[in-house]
Amino acid sequence: MNSNQMNKNLKWFFLSFVLAIFLLSNWVIGSLCLPFLYKYRPDPHPTFEQAAERQLLSMDAIIKRSAPASLSVFVGSSAALNAIDEDAIRGVWKGYRDLPLVPVNFGTTGLLAYELLMLRDKLLSPKVKVVVYLYNSFSFSDNLYSSVYTMRWNTAEFVRMADRRILRSTPNSAIAEAIMRELFFVYRYKTFLS
C-alpha cells in the first residue's frame, strides 16, 4: 500500500472514530443534560421555533422520568396544548382506583397529523400506554410545516411517507438539518445550549 492510500485510510479511520465517539457520547450527554435543560428552560415568551423545541424537550424529559406503561398521552396541535388540563383529568381519574395512568399533555404547536409518524419514538415508547390524538381541521394538511418539521423529525418515517412532490419541495439543507437534529442531542436542543 502506498503512502497516499495509507494517509487516506487513516483519515477515514480517524473521522469514523470521532463520529462514533460523538454518537456514543450523544446518549450520555442527553441523559445528563435533559433534566437540567428541562428544569431551567429559558425565555417565557419564546419564538414559534423555540416553543416547538421546548415542547419536544418536555416530551423527552417526561418520558425519561416516567414509570413503564404509565402514561396516557394527549397529543395534538396547539388546540390540544392549550385545552388539555392534566390536573383536571388526574382529579377525575382519582375516583377510578384501577386506572394507574398519568395524563400528560403532549400538545405541540403546529402539529399536523402526518407528524405523528415523526414522533413515533415518543408516542410508542414503552412508558406510554395510551395515546389520544385530538384533531381539528388544521391537522390534515398535506404540506410540510416548514417552521418546525425539522425539529420533529424521524428519517425512516420521512423516507417512507415522502412522495416526489414533497422531496422536490424540501430543500436539501432542511433535510440535512433535520437529520442532524435527530442524531445529535446537542444540535437538537441548540436553542437551549447556546
Protein backbone atom coordinates (compact mmCIF):
# COMPACT_ATOMS: atom_id res chain seq x y z
CA MET A 1 0.00 0.00 0.00
CA ASN A 2 1.43 3.39 -0.93
CA SER A 3 1.63 6.33 1.47
CA ASN A 4 -1.22 8.29 -0.17
CA GLN A 5 -3.59 5.35 0.22
CA MET A 6 -2.42 4.83 3.81
CA ASN A 7 -2.99 8.53 4.63
CA LYS A 8 -6.46 8.38 3.06
CA ASN A 9 -7.35 5.26 5.06
CA LEU A 10 -6.01 6.86 8.23
CA LYS A 11 -8.13 9.99 7.65
CA TRP A 12 -11.27 7.89 7.15
CA PHE A 13 -10.48 5.82 10.23
CA PHE A 14 -9.99 8.97 12.30
CA LEU A 15 -13.23 10.57 11.03
CA SER A 16 -15.15 7.35 11.70
CA PHE A 17 -13.69 7.13 15.19
CA VAL A 18 -14.63 10.75 16.01
CA LEU A 19 -18.15 10.26 14.67
CA ALA A 20 -18.57 7.05 16.71
CA ILE A 21 -17.38 8.78 19.89
CA PHE A 22 -19.74 11.70 19.22
CA LEU A 23 -22.71 9.39 18.64
CA LEU A 24 -21.98 7.38 21.79
CA SER A 25 -21.47 10.49 23.88
CA ASN A 26 -24.75 11.84 22.49
CA TRP A 27 -26.65 9.37 24.66
CA VAL A 28 -24.58 10.20 27.75
CA ILE A 29 -24.84 13.98 27.23
CA GLY A 30 -28.58 13.66 26.59
CA SER A 31 -29.11 11.60 29.73
CA LEU A 32 -27.16 14.03 31.91
CA CYS A 33 -28.33 17.31 30.37
CA LEU A 34 -32.01 16.57 29.85
CA PRO A 35 -33.18 17.09 33.46
CA PHE A 36 -31.12 20.28 33.75
CA LEU A 37 -32.40 21.69 30.46
CA TYR A 38 -35.98 20.87 31.32
CA LYS A 39 -35.75 22.47 34.75
CA TYR A 40 -34.04 25.66 33.56
CA ARG A 41 -35.68 26.21 30.19
CA PRO A 42 -35.18 29.82 29.12
CA ASP A 43 -37.43 32.54 27.78
CA PRO A 44 -41.02 32.54 28.99
CA HIS A 45 -42.11 34.13 25.67
CA PRO A 46 -40.34 32.07 23.02
CA THR A 47 -40.48 32.33 19.25
CA PHE A 48 -42.55 29.77 17.38
CA GLU A 49 -39.49 27.59 16.76
CA GLN A 50 -38.32 27.86 20.38
CA ALA A 51 -41.79 26.85 21.58
CA ALA A 52 -41.73 23.73 19.39
CA GLU A 53 -38.23 22.85 20.61
CA ARG A 54 -39.29 23.36 24.23
CA GLN A 55 -42.30 21.07 23.74
CA LEU A 56 -40.06 18.30 22.37
CA LEU A 57 -37.70 18.77 25.30
CA SER A 58 -40.67 18.43 27.63
CA MET A 59 -41.74 15.19 25.92
CA ASP A 60 -38.25 13.72 26.23
CA ALA A 61 -37.96 14.70 29.91
CA ILE A 62 -41.40 13.33 30.84
CA ILE A 63 -40.78 10.02 29.09
CA LYS A 64 -37.33 9.65 30.64
CA ARG A 65 -38.58 10.09 34.23
CA SER A 66 -41.84 8.07 33.95
CA ALA A 67 -42.55 4.50 35.00
CA PRO A 68 -43.13 1.90 32.27
CA ALA A 69 -46.64 1.79 30.76
CA SER A 70 -47.87 4.59 32.99
CA LEU A 71 -48.55 7.48 30.62
CA SER A 72 -51.80 8.41 28.91
CA VAL A 73 -50.64 10.88 26.30
CA PHE A 74 -52.91 13.53 24.82
CA VAL A 75 -51.37 14.75 21.57
CA GLY A 76 -52.47 17.32 19.03
CA SER A 77 -51.76 20.83 17.80
CA SER A 78 -51.82 23.98 19.90
CA ALA A 79 -55.58 23.45 20.38
CA ALA A 80 -54.74 20.36 22.45
CA LEU A 81 -51.77 22.09 24.06
CA ASN A 82 -53.97 24.91 25.34
CA ALA A 83 -57.12 22.88 26.10
CA ILE A 84 -55.95 19.77 27.97
CA ASP A 85 -55.72 20.23 31.74
CA GLU A 86 -53.68 17.36 33.16
CA ASP A 87 -54.66 18.21 36.75
CA ALA A 88 -58.39 18.16 35.96
CA ILE A 89 -58.07 14.79 34.22
CA ARG A 90 -55.98 13.42 37.10
CA GLY A 91 -58.72 14.59 39.51
CA VAL A 92 -61.45 12.77 37.58
CA TRP A 93 -59.32 9.63 37.30
CA LYS A 94 -58.63 9.52 41.05
CA GLY A 95 -62.10 8.01 41.51
CA TYR A 96 -61.02 5.01 39.46
CA ARG A 97 -58.55 3.06 41.60
CA ASP A 98 -57.82 0.55 38.86
CA LEU A 99 -56.65 3.27 36.47
CA PRO A 100 -52.93 3.63 37.14
CA LEU A 101 -52.36 6.13 34.33
CA VAL A 102 -50.77 9.55 34.42
CA PRO A 103 -52.36 12.04 31.99
CA VAL A 104 -49.78 14.01 30.04
CA ASN A 105 -50.33 16.83 27.57
CA PHE A 106 -48.08 16.33 24.54
CA GLY A 107 -49.88 19.04 22.57
CA THR A 108 -47.38 20.64 20.22
CA THR A 109 -47.50 23.94 18.38
CA GLY A 110 -48.46 23.44 14.75
CA LEU A 111 -48.61 19.63 14.91
CA LEU A 112 -50.08 18.10 11.77
CA ALA A 113 -51.47 14.56 11.53
CA TYR A 114 -48.59 13.25 9.38
CA GLU A 115 -46.14 14.32 12.11
CA LEU A 116 -47.47 11.63 14.44
CA LEU A 117 -45.17 9.34 12.46
CA MET A 118 -42.28 11.69 13.12
CA LEU A 119 -42.97 11.50 16.89
CA ARG A 120 -43.19 7.71 16.78
CA ASP A 121 -40.28 7.11 19.18
CA LYS A 122 -42.01 9.23 21.83
CA LEU A 123 -45.60 8.09 21.27
CA LEU A 124 -44.72 4.38 21.04
CA SER A 125 -42.31 4.43 23.97
CA PRO A 126 -42.69 1.51 26.42
CA LYS A 127 -43.63 4.13 29.01
CA VAL A 128 -46.73 5.18 27.05
CA LYS A 129 -49.81 3.03 27.49
CA VAL A 130 -52.49 5.16 25.77
CA VAL A 131 -52.29 7.78 23.03
CA VAL A 132 -55.28 10.08 22.47
CA TYR A 133 -54.98 12.14 19.30
CA LEU A 134 -57.07 15.30 19.35
CA TYR A 135 -57.50 16.66 15.86
CA ASN A 136 -59.13 19.64 14.16
CA SER A 137 -59.36 20.91 10.60
CA PHE A 138 -55.81 22.29 10.89
CA SER A 139 -54.46 18.77 11.41
CA PHE A 140 -54.88 17.44 7.89
CA SER A 141 -52.66 19.49 5.64
CA ASP A 142 -50.62 17.69 3.01
CA ASN A 143 -47.82 20.25 3.14
CA LEU A 144 -44.81 20.17 5.43
CA TYR A 145 -44.96 22.80 8.14
CA SER A 146 -41.65 24.40 7.24
CA SER A 147 -41.05 26.22 10.53
CA VAL A 148 -40.90 23.14 12.71
CA TYR A 149 -40.79 19.88 10.78
CA THR A 150 -37.01 19.73 11.05
CA MET A 151 -37.41 19.60 14.85
CA ARG A 152 -39.99 16.81 14.88
CA TRP A 153 -38.05 14.52 12.60
CA ASN A 154 -37.69 10.81 12.01
CA THR A 155 -35.64 9.99 8.92
CA ALA A 156 -37.05 6.49 8.41
CA GLU A 157 -40.63 7.76 8.58
CA PHE A 158 -39.88 10.71 6.28
CA VAL A 159 -38.40 8.40 3.64
CA ARG A 160 -41.39 6.07 3.96
CA MET A 161 -44.03 8.79 3.63
CA ALA A 162 -42.41 11.32 1.30
CA ASP A 163 -43.53 11.36 -2.30
CA ARG A 164 -41.74 13.08 -5.18
CA ARG A 165 -43.65 16.34 -4.68
CA ILE A 166 -42.53 16.60 -1.03
CA LEU A 167 -38.96 15.62 -1.88
CA ARG A 168 -38.78 18.24 -4.65
CA SER A 169 -40.22 20.98 -2.43
CA THR A 170 -38.00 20.23 0.57
CA PRO A 171 -34.57 21.87 0.42
CA ASN A 172 -31.62 19.54 0.91
CA SER A 173 -30.31 21.84 3.63
CA ALA A 174 -33.55 21.39 5.62
CA ILE A 175 -33.29 17.61 5.34
CA ALA A 176 -29.63 17.74 6.42
CA GLU A 177 -30.56 19.93 9.42
CA ALA A 178 -33.37 17.57 10.37
CA ILE A 179 -31.08 14.54 10.27
CA MET A 180 -28.52 16.40 12.39
CA ARG A 181 -31.25 17.20 14.95
CA GLU A 182 -32.32 13.56 15.01
CA LEU A 183 -28.80 12.23 15.51
CA PHE A 184 -27.23 14.75 17.88
CA PHE A 185 -28.70 15.86 21.19
CA VAL A 186 -26.53 18.98 21.20
CA TYR A 187 -27.89 20.04 17.83
CA ARG A 188 -31.50 19.05 18.64
CA TYR A 189 -31.63 21.47 21.57
CA LYS A 190 -29.22 24.07 20.23
CA THR A 191 -31.52 26.92 21.33
CA PHE A 192 -31.19 25.84 24.95
CA LEU A 193 -27.47 25.14 24.77
CA SER A 194 -26.49 28.40 23.05
